[in-house]
């Protein structure tokens, strides 16, 4: 089941999945977490939070229209490959379409490119490195 969740609910998963458990959950906050436009989604399997992602209004480059950025997409290892992340992203796209958002973009880790491609995203940048995290590409999906 997909729910809108509080930031505090997703910080432990951000730490576990995106930072290999090296930080305290509170250190896994992004500057964008303070934006008024942000919302966080979680996919629950029973009572357990399995997948999380955050979305905030943020344009990309010279793209026209209203853009949102996806950040902090993370799925606990035992739930990977079961379609929960895909369902969560598709839920967000439908929600954003209702808000008249034109596109969604993200900085995708190289290891997650196929996941985002399967969600309808396309690569729109050359590979770049995020220090301490690794290679990424900017990916984008048109919403309307």
C-alpha atoms as a PDB file:
ATOM      1  CA  UNK A   1       0.000   0.000   0.000  1.00  0.00           C
ATOM      2  CA  UNK A   2       1.316   3.442  -0.961  1.00  0.00           C
ATOM      3  CA  UNK A   3       0.978   6.278   1.542  1.00  0.00           C
ATOM      4  CA  UNK A   4       2.112   9.862   1.956  1.00  0.00           C
ATOM      5  CA  UNK A   5       4.599   9.673   4.836  1.00  0.00           C
ATOM      6  CA  UNK A   6       6.573  11.956   7.115  1.00  0.00           C
ATOM      7  CA  UNK A   7      10.253  12.650   6.533  1.00  0.00           C
ATOM      8  CA  UNK A   8      11.173  10.999   9.831  1.00  0.00           C
ATOM      9  CA  UNK A   9       9.606   7.734   8.647  1.00  0.00           C
ATOM     10  CA  UNK A  10      11.890   7.448   5.629  1.00  0.00           C
ATOM     11  CA  UNK A  11      15.229   8.590   7.060  1.00  0.00           C
ATOM     12  CA  UNK A  12      16.249   5.138   8.352  1.00  0.00           C
ATOM     13  CA  UNK A  13      15.716   3.629   4.881  1.00  0.00           C
ATOM     14  CA  UNK A  14      17.641   6.460   3.190  1.00  0.00           C
ATOM     15  CA  UNK A  15      20.516   5.721   5.542  1.00  0.00           C
ATOM     16  CA  UNK A  16      20.385   1.942   5.130  1.00  0.00           C
ATOM     17  CA  UNK A  17      20.041   1.862   1.340  1.00  0.00           C
ATOM     18  CA  UNK A  18      21.618   5.078   0.052  1.00  0.00           C
ATOM     19  CA  UNK A  19      24.378   5.560   2.631  1.00  0.00           C
ATOM     20  CA  UNK A  20      25.084   1.908   3.508  1.00  0.00           C
ATOM     21  CA  UNK A  21      24.138   2.562   7.134  1.00  0.00           C
ATOM     22  CA  UNK A  22      27.205   4.775   7.645  1.00  0.00           C
ATOM     23  CA  UNK A  23      25.311   7.788   8.993  1.00  0.00           C
ATOM     24  CA  UNK A  24      22.760   8.544  11.630  1.00  0.00           C
ATOM     25  CA  UNK A  25      19.290   8.794  10.054  1.00  0.00           C
ATOM     26  CA  UNK A  26      19.161  12.518  10.878  1.00  0.00           C
ATOM     27  CA  UNK A  27      22.289  13.034   8.740  1.00  0.00           C
ATOM     28  CA  UNK A  28      20.346  11.741   5.704  1.00  0.00           C
ATOM     29  CA  UNK A  29      18.252  14.866   5.326  1.00  0.00           C
ATOM     30  CA  UNK A  30      18.458  16.683   1.979  1.00  0.00           C
ATOM     31  CA  UNK A  31      18.272  20.493   1.762  1.00  0.00           C
ATOM     32  CA  UNK A  32      15.135  20.021  -0.351  1.00  0.00           C
ATOM     33  CA  UNK A  33      13.402  18.302   2.579  1.00  0.00           C
ATOM     34  CA  UNK A  34      12.690  21.802   3.905  1.00  0.00           C
ATOM     35  CA  UNK A  35      10.890  22.942   0.721  1.00  0.00           C
ATOM     36  CA  UNK A  36       7.173  23.658   0.999  1.00  0.00           C
ATOM     37  CA  UNK A  37       6.505  21.750  -2.215  1.00  0.00           C
ATOM     38  CA  UNK A  38       7.980  18.441  -1.012  1.00  0.00           C
ATOM     39  CA  UNK A  39       6.062  15.260  -0.401  1.00  0.00           C
ATOM     40  CA  UNK A  40       7.301  11.825   0.572  1.00  0.00           C
ATOM     41  CA  UNK A  41       5.815   8.493  -0.443  1.00  0.00           C
ATOM     42  CA  UNK A  42       6.238   5.072   1.062  1.00  0.00           C
ATOM     43  CA  UNK A  43       5.208   1.608  -0.068  1.00  0.00           C
ATOM     44  CA  UNK A  44       4.207  -0.623   2.836  1.00  0.00           C
ATOM     45  CA  UNK A  45       4.256  -4.407   2.716  1.00  0.00           C
ATOM     46  CA  UNK A  46       1.986  -5.212   5.610  1.00  0.00           C
ATOM     47  CA  UNK A  47       3.189  -2.928   8.400  1.00  0.00           C
ATOM     48  CA  UNK A  48       6.757  -2.660   7.070  1.00  0.00           C
ATOM     49  CA  UNK A  49       7.949   0.308   5.052  1.00  0.00           C
ATOM     50  CA  UNK A  50       9.675  -1.244   2.019  1.00  0.00           C
ATOM     51  CA  UNK A  51      10.242   1.591  -0.487  1.00  0.00           C
ATOM     52  CA  UNK A  52      10.512   5.365  -0.093  1.00  0.00           C
ATOM     53  CA  UNK A  53      10.970   8.413  -2.313  1.00  0.00           C
ATOM     54  CA  UNK A  54      10.745  12.190  -2.041  1.00  0.00           C
ATOM     55  CA  UNK A  55       9.431  14.639  -4.650  1.00  0.00           C
ATOM     56  CA  UNK A  56       9.834  18.414  -4.732  1.00  0.00           C
ATOM     57  CA  UNK A  57       9.173  21.156  -7.225  1.00  0.00           C
ATOM     58  CA  UNK A  58      12.413  21.899  -9.025  1.00  0.00           C
ATOM     59  CA  UNK A  59      12.971  22.782 -12.667  1.00  0.00           C
ATOM     60  CA  UNK A  60      15.705  21.153 -14.703  1.00  0.00           C
ATOM     61  CA  UNK A  61      17.901  23.247 -16.992  1.00  0.00           C
ATOM     62  CA  UNK A  62      15.911  25.157 -19.575  1.00  0.00           C
ATOM     63  CA  UNK A  63      13.014  22.665 -19.642  1.00  0.00           C
ATOM     64  CA  UNK A  64       9.679  24.452 -19.921  1.00  0.00           C
ATOM     65  CA  UNK A  65       6.754  24.004 -17.574  1.00  0.00           C
ATOM     66  CA  UNK A  66       6.552  22.824 -14.002  1.00  0.00           C
ATOM     67  CA  UNK A  67       9.154  20.257 -13.043  1.00  0.00           C
ATOM     68  CA  UNK A  68       9.500  18.042 -10.004  1.00  0.00           C
ATOM     69  CA  UNK A  69      12.628  16.240  -8.869  1.00  0.00           C
ATOM     70  CA  UNK A  70      12.607  12.730  -7.463  1.00  0.00           C
ATOM     71  CA  UNK A  71      15.156  12.235  -4.697  1.00  0.00           C
ATOM     72  CA  UNK A  72      16.070   9.533  -2.240  1.00  0.00           C
ATOM     73  CA  UNK A  73      14.402   6.595  -3.990  1.00  0.00           C
ATOM     74  CA  UNK A  74      15.276   3.551  -1.897  1.00  0.00           C
ATOM     75  CA  UNK A  75      13.985   0.013  -1.445  1.00  0.00           C
ATOM     76  CA  UNK A  76      15.034  -2.308   1.362  1.00  0.00           C
ATOM     77  CA  UNK A  77      17.039  -5.170  -0.140  1.00  0.00           C
ATOM     78  CA  UNK A  78      14.591  -7.982   0.641  1.00  0.00           C
ATOM     79  CA  UNK A  79      11.849  -6.147  -1.302  1.00  0.00           C
ATOM     80  CA  UNK A  80      13.847  -5.280  -4.426  1.00  0.00           C
ATOM     81  CA  UNK A  81      12.730  -6.655  -7.764  1.00  0.00           C
ATOM     82  CA  UNK A  82       9.104  -7.103  -6.691  1.00  0.00           C
ATOM     83  CA  UNK A  83       7.676  -4.026  -8.439  1.00  0.00           C
ATOM     84  CA  UNK A  84       7.095  -1.893  -5.345  1.00  0.00           C
ATOM     85  CA  UNK A  85       9.381   0.931  -6.498  1.00  0.00           C
ATOM     86  CA  UNK A  86       7.780   0.958  -9.939  1.00  0.00           C
ATOM     87  CA  UNK A  87       4.311   1.189  -8.405  1.00  0.00           C
ATOM     88  CA  UNK A  88       5.424   4.031  -6.138  1.00  0.00           C
ATOM     89  CA  UNK A  89       6.895   6.033  -9.044  1.00  0.00           C
ATOM     90  CA  UNK A  90       3.787   5.466 -11.158  1.00  0.00           C
ATOM     91  CA  UNK A  91       1.590   6.614  -8.258  1.00  0.00           C
ATOM     92  CA  UNK A  92       3.696   9.795  -8.016  1.00  0.00           C
ATOM     93  CA  UNK A  93       3.401  10.439 -11.752  1.00  0.00           C
ATOM     94  CA  UNK A  94      -0.393  10.157 -11.632  1.00  0.00           C
ATOM     95  CA  UNK A  95      -0.488  12.425  -8.565  1.00  0.00           C
ATOM     96  CA  UNK A  96       1.793  14.981 -10.247  1.00  0.00           C
ATOM     97  CA  UNK A  97      -0.290  14.879 -13.439  1.00  0.00           C
ATOM     98  CA  UNK A  98      -3.251  15.905 -11.284  1.00  0.00           C
ATOM     99  CA  UNK A  99      -1.192  18.842 -10.009  1.00  0.00           C
ATOM    100  CA  UNK A 100      -0.515  19.904 -13.643  1.00  0.00           C
ATOM    101  CA  UNK A 101       3.213  19.107 -13.404  1.00  0.00           C
ATOM    102  CA  UNK A 102       4.881  18.778 -16.812  1.00  0.00           C
ATOM    103  CA  UNK A 103       7.832  16.507 -16.061  1.00  0.00           C
ATOM    104  CA  UNK A 104       9.684  14.555 -13.391  1.00  0.00           C
ATOM    105  CA  UNK A 105      13.460  14.195 -13.310  1.00  0.00           C
ATOM    106  CA  UNK A 106      16.123  12.649 -11.115  1.00  0.00           C
ATOM    107  CA  UNK A 107      19.832  12.095 -10.720  1.00  0.00           C
ATOM    108  CA  UNK A 108      19.881   8.330 -11.216  1.00  0.00           C
ATOM    109  CA  UNK A 109      22.689   6.158  -9.958  1.00  0.00           C
ATOM    110  CA  UNK A 110      24.233   4.172 -12.772  1.00  0.00           C
ATOM    111  CA  UNK A 111      23.152   0.923 -11.084  1.00  0.00           C
ATOM    112  CA  UNK A 112      19.506   2.124 -11.144  1.00  0.00           C
ATOM    113  CA  UNK A 113      19.288   3.202 -14.798  1.00  0.00           C
ATOM    114  CA  UNK A 114      17.319   0.127 -15.864  1.00  0.00           C
ATOM    115  CA  UNK A 115      14.836   0.627 -13.024  1.00  0.00           C
ATOM    116  CA  UNK A 116      14.126   4.210 -14.111  1.00  0.00           C
ATOM    117  CA  UNK A 117      14.030   3.204 -17.777  1.00  0.00           C
ATOM    118  CA  UNK A 118      11.366   0.615 -16.871  1.00  0.00           C
ATOM    119  CA  UNK A 119       9.380   3.447 -15.238  1.00  0.00           C
ATOM    120  CA  UNK A 120       9.422   5.422 -18.499  1.00  0.00           C
ATOM    121  CA  UNK A 121      12.404   7.703 -17.844  1.00  0.00           C
ATOM    122  CA  UNK A 122      15.063   8.485 -20.425  1.00  0.00           C
ATOM    123  CA  UNK A 123      18.676   9.571 -19.958  1.00  0.00           C
ATOM    124  CA  UNK A 124      19.207  13.263 -20.725  1.00  0.00           C
ATOM    125  CA  UNK A 125      22.792  13.838 -19.550  1.00  0.00           C
ATOM    126  CA  UNK A 126      26.265  12.482 -19.842  1.00  0.00           C
ATOM    127  CA  UNK A 127      27.515  10.407 -16.937  1.00  0.00           C
ATOM    128  CA  UNK A 128      28.738  12.422 -13.961  1.00  0.00           C
ATOM    129  CA  UNK A 129      30.165  11.485 -10.591  1.00  0.00           C
ATOM    130  CA  UNK A 130      28.655  12.369  -7.230  1.00  0.00           C
ATOM    131  CA  UNK A 131      31.612  12.325  -4.821  1.00  0.00           C
ATOM    132  CA  UNK A 132      31.366   9.527  -2.303  1.00  0.00           C
ATOM    133  CA  UNK A 133      28.339   7.993  -4.043  1.00  0.00           C
ATOM    134  CA  UNK A 134      29.365   7.205  -7.631  1.00  0.00           C
ATOM    135  CA  UNK A 135      28.347   7.591 -11.275  1.00  0.00           C
ATOM    136  CA  UNK A 136      24.963   9.081 -12.191  1.00  0.00           C
ATOM    137  CA  UNK A 137      22.924  10.297 -15.155  1.00  0.00           C
ATOM    138  CA  UNK A 138      20.064  12.788 -15.173  1.00  0.00           C
ATOM    139  CA  UNK A 139      16.869  11.020 -16.248  1.00  0.00           C
ATOM    140  CA  UNK A 140      13.497  12.497 -17.164  1.00  0.00           C
ATOM    141  CA  UNK A 141       9.921  11.470 -17.848  1.00  0.00           C
ATOM    142  CA  UNK A 142       7.332  13.713 -19.489  1.00  0.00           C
ATOM    143  CA  UNK A 143       4.079  13.798 -17.518  1.00  0.00           C
ATOM    144  CA  UNK A 144       2.000  16.104 -19.732  1.00  0.00           C
END
